[in-house]
Amino acid sequence: MDGTRGAHDAVRVYNTTTMLTVPEAARRTGRNPETIRRWIRQGKLRASKVGTQHVIEERDLEAMQQHREYPDMLPVPQEWGWEETSWGEPMPNVAAWIRESRAGH
């Protein structure tokens, strides 16, 4: 071979994100697996289904642990570019505002 690529050669790029099962996520957080499943059902933790099992991206679990003060708010993926408002402040937690406004009723 001369080291050149042909027209049909493809370069594959894989995302190396670590995927965790529910029991693995439970061990990492020190929680019961059923708590992890509840967070998934409630939309507090992103997960995908592979067959009959939920799998969780490691970065989503880490992000949730960093945002413990607002467990009902999933972090926005960084690639969206919405970490802060147009005036430079962190994005507000609208879910917390709604919850607080309803608490008085």
C-alpha atoms as a PDB file:
ATOM      1  CA  MET A   1       0.000   0.000   0.000  1.00  0.00           C
ATOM      2  CA  ASP A   2       1.170   3.493  -0.724  1.00  0.00           C
ATOM      3  CA  GLY A   3      -0.507   5.127   2.314  1.00  0.00           C
ATOM      4  CA  THR A   4      -3.166   7.058   0.360  1.00  0.00           C
ATOM      5  CA  ARG A   5      -6.854   6.696   1.002  1.00  0.00           C
ATOM      6  CA  GLY A   6      -9.207   5.490  -1.656  1.00  0.00           C
ATOM      7  CA  ALA A   7     -12.580   7.073  -2.416  1.00  0.00           C
ATOM      8  CA  HIS A   8     -14.402   4.363  -0.475  1.00  0.00           C
ATOM      9  CA  ASP A   9     -12.261   4.468   2.674  1.00  0.00           C
ATOM     10  CA  ALA A  10     -14.174   5.835   5.615  1.00  0.00           C
ATOM     11  CA  VAL A  11     -12.929   7.331   8.814  1.00  0.00           C
ATOM     12  CA  ARG A  12     -15.031   6.366  11.797  1.00  0.00           C
ATOM     13  CA  VAL A  13     -15.191   8.566  14.850  1.00  0.00           C
ATOM     14  CA  TYR A  14     -16.622   7.108  18.022  1.00  0.00           C
ATOM     15  CA  ASN A  15     -17.878   8.968  21.055  1.00  0.00           C
ATOM     16  CA  THR A  16     -15.984   7.533  23.993  1.00  0.00           C
ATOM     17  CA  THR A  17     -18.592   8.430  26.574  1.00  0.00           C
ATOM     18  CA  THR A  18     -18.826   5.785  29.264  1.00  0.00           C
ATOM     19  CA  MET A  19     -22.276   4.283  29.622  1.00  0.00           C
ATOM     20  CA  LEU A  20     -23.405   3.012  33.019  1.00  0.00           C
ATOM     21  CA  THR A  21     -26.110   0.552  33.953  1.00  0.00           C
ATOM     22  CA  VAL A  22     -28.582   1.399  36.718  1.00  0.00           C
ATOM     23  CA  PRO A  23     -26.730  -0.734  39.322  1.00  0.00           C
ATOM     24  CA  GLU A  24     -23.412   0.904  38.380  1.00  0.00           C
ATOM     25  CA  ALA A  25     -24.938   4.389  38.684  1.00  0.00           C
ATOM     26  CA  ALA A  26     -26.436   3.414  42.050  1.00  0.00           C
ATOM     27  CA  ARG A  27     -23.042   2.282  43.344  1.00  0.00           C
ATOM     28  CA  ARG A  28     -21.385   5.501  42.208  1.00  0.00           C
ATOM     29  CA  THR A  29     -23.991   7.701  43.879  1.00  0.00           C
ATOM     30  CA  GLY A  30     -24.471   5.559  46.979  1.00  0.00           C
ATOM     31  CA  ARG A  31     -28.179   5.266  46.173  1.00  0.00           C
ATOM     32  CA  ASN A  32     -30.557   2.375  45.736  1.00  0.00           C
ATOM     33  CA  PRO A  33     -31.010   1.234  42.099  1.00  0.00           C
ATOM     34  CA  GLU A  34     -34.739   1.921  42.430  1.00  0.00           C
ATOM     35  CA  THR A  35     -33.924   5.560  43.230  1.00  0.00           C
ATOM     36  CA  ILE A  36     -31.941   5.781  39.987  1.00  0.00           C
ATOM     37  CA  ARG A  37     -34.882   4.270  38.081  1.00  0.00           C
ATOM     38  CA  ARG A  38     -37.250   6.755  39.725  1.00  0.00           C
ATOM     39  CA  TRP A  39     -34.998   9.663  38.684  1.00  0.00           C
ATOM     40  CA  ILE A  40     -35.092   8.328  35.120  1.00  0.00           C
ATOM     41  CA  ARG A  41     -38.906   8.001  35.137  1.00  0.00           C
ATOM     42  CA  GLN A  42     -39.275  11.504  36.592  1.00  0.00           C
ATOM     43  CA  GLY A  43     -36.956  12.976  33.963  1.00  0.00           C
ATOM     44  CA  LYS A  44     -34.339  13.985  36.530  1.00  0.00           C
ATOM     45  CA  LEU A  45     -31.685  11.792  34.911  1.00  0.00           C
ATOM     46  CA  ARG A  46     -31.233  11.183  31.197  1.00  0.00           C
ATOM     47  CA  ALA A  47     -31.041   7.555  30.108  1.00  0.00           C
ATOM     48  CA  SER A  48     -31.381   5.436  26.998  1.00  0.00           C
ATOM     49  CA  LYS A  49     -32.850   1.984  26.716  1.00  0.00           C
ATOM     50  CA  VAL A  50     -30.719  -0.851  25.396  1.00  0.00           C
ATOM     51  CA  GLY A  51     -32.931  -3.893  25.247  1.00  0.00           C
ATOM     52  CA  THR A  52     -34.635  -3.981  28.620  1.00  0.00           C
ATOM     53  CA  GLN A  53     -31.979  -2.011  30.512  1.00  0.00           C
ATOM     54  CA  HIS A  54     -31.534   1.690  30.994  1.00  0.00           C
ATOM     55  CA  VAL A  55     -28.040   3.011  30.359  1.00  0.00           C
ATOM     56  CA  ILE A  56     -26.840   6.365  31.618  1.00  0.00           C
ATOM     57  CA  GLU A  57     -24.042   8.491  30.246  1.00  0.00           C
ATOM     58  CA  GLU A  58     -21.387   8.984  32.880  1.00  0.00           C
ATOM     59  CA  ARG A  59     -21.290  12.733  32.226  1.00  0.00           C
ATOM     60  CA  ASP A  60     -25.058  13.020  32.853  1.00  0.00           C
ATOM     61  CA  LEU A  61     -24.705  11.258  36.199  1.00  0.00           C
ATOM     62  CA  GLU A  62     -21.772  13.499  37.148  1.00  0.00           C
ATOM     63  CA  ALA A  63     -23.700  16.610  36.103  1.00  0.00           C
ATOM     64  CA  MET A  64     -26.669  15.563  38.205  1.00  0.00           C
ATOM     65  CA  GLN A  65     -24.437  15.070  41.237  1.00  0.00           C
ATOM     66  CA  GLN A  66     -23.011  18.562  40.742  1.00  0.00           C
ATOM     67  CA  HIS A  67     -26.516  20.075  40.657  1.00  0.00           C
ATOM     68  CA  ARG A  68     -27.858  18.430  43.817  1.00  0.00           C
ATOM     69  CA  GLU A  69     -29.402  21.674  45.070  1.00  0.00           C
ATOM     70  CA  TYR A  70     -31.838  21.475  42.131  1.00  0.00           C
ATOM     71  CA  PRO A  71     -32.403  17.766  41.503  1.00  0.00           C
ATOM     72  CA  ASP A  72     -35.364  18.507  39.221  1.00  0.00           C
ATOM     73  CA  MET A  73     -33.204  20.379  36.704  1.00  0.00           C
ATOM     74  CA  LEU A  74     -31.261  18.436  34.092  1.00  0.00           C
ATOM     75  CA  PRO A  75     -28.190  20.278  32.893  1.00  0.00           C
ATOM     76  CA  VAL A  76     -28.269  21.510  29.319  1.00  0.00           C
ATOM     77  CA  PRO A  77     -25.681  19.730  27.148  1.00  0.00           C
ATOM     78  CA  GLN A  78     -22.574  21.909  26.743  1.00  0.00           C
ATOM     79  CA  GLU A  79     -22.619  21.531  22.970  1.00  0.00           C
ATOM     80  CA  TRP A  80     -25.850  23.582  22.916  1.00  0.00           C
ATOM     81  CA  GLY A  81     -23.944  26.602  24.226  1.00  0.00           C
ATOM     82  CA  TRP A  82     -26.625  27.557  26.779  1.00  0.00           C
ATOM     83  CA  GLU A  83     -24.516  27.558  29.956  1.00  0.00           C
ATOM     84  CA  GLU A  84     -25.160  31.241  30.492  1.00  0.00           C
ATOM     85  CA  THR A  85     -27.562  33.966  29.482  1.00  0.00           C
ATOM     86  CA  SER A  86     -26.763  36.570  26.829  1.00  0.00           C
ATOM     87  CA  TRP A  87     -25.746  38.945  29.635  1.00  0.00           C
ATOM     88  CA  GLY A  88     -23.226  36.435  31.063  1.00  0.00           C
ATOM     89  CA  GLU A  89     -25.047  34.999  34.099  1.00  0.00           C
ATOM     90  CA  PRO A  90     -25.734  31.278  34.627  1.00  0.00           C
ATOM     91  CA  MET A  91     -29.009  30.067  33.155  1.00  0.00           C
ATOM     92  CA  PRO A  92     -31.876  30.390  35.645  1.00  0.00           C
ATOM     93  CA  ASN A  93     -33.584  27.356  37.116  1.00  0.00           C
ATOM     94  CA  VAL A  94     -37.108  27.908  35.844  1.00  0.00           C
ATOM     95  CA  ALA A  95     -38.300  24.587  37.307  1.00  0.00           C
ATOM     96  CA  ALA A  96     -37.296  25.777  40.805  1.00  0.00           C
ATOM     97  CA  TRP A  97     -39.103  29.092  40.278  1.00  0.00           C
ATOM     98  CA  ILE A  98     -42.305  27.290  39.307  1.00  0.00           C
ATOM     99  CA  ARG A  99     -42.020  24.874  42.239  1.00  0.00           C
ATOM    100  CA  GLU A 100     -41.485  27.763  44.671  1.00  0.00           C
ATOM    101  CA  SER A 101     -44.421  29.743  43.252  1.00  0.00           C
ATOM    102  CA  ARG A 102     -46.722  26.736  43.629  1.00  0.00           C
ATOM    103  CA  ALA A 103     -45.575  26.001  47.184  1.00  0.00           C
ATOM    104  CA  GLY A 104     -47.535  28.987  48.510  1.00  0.00           C
ATOM    105  CA  HIS A 105     -50.879  27.815  47.079  1.00  0.00           C
END
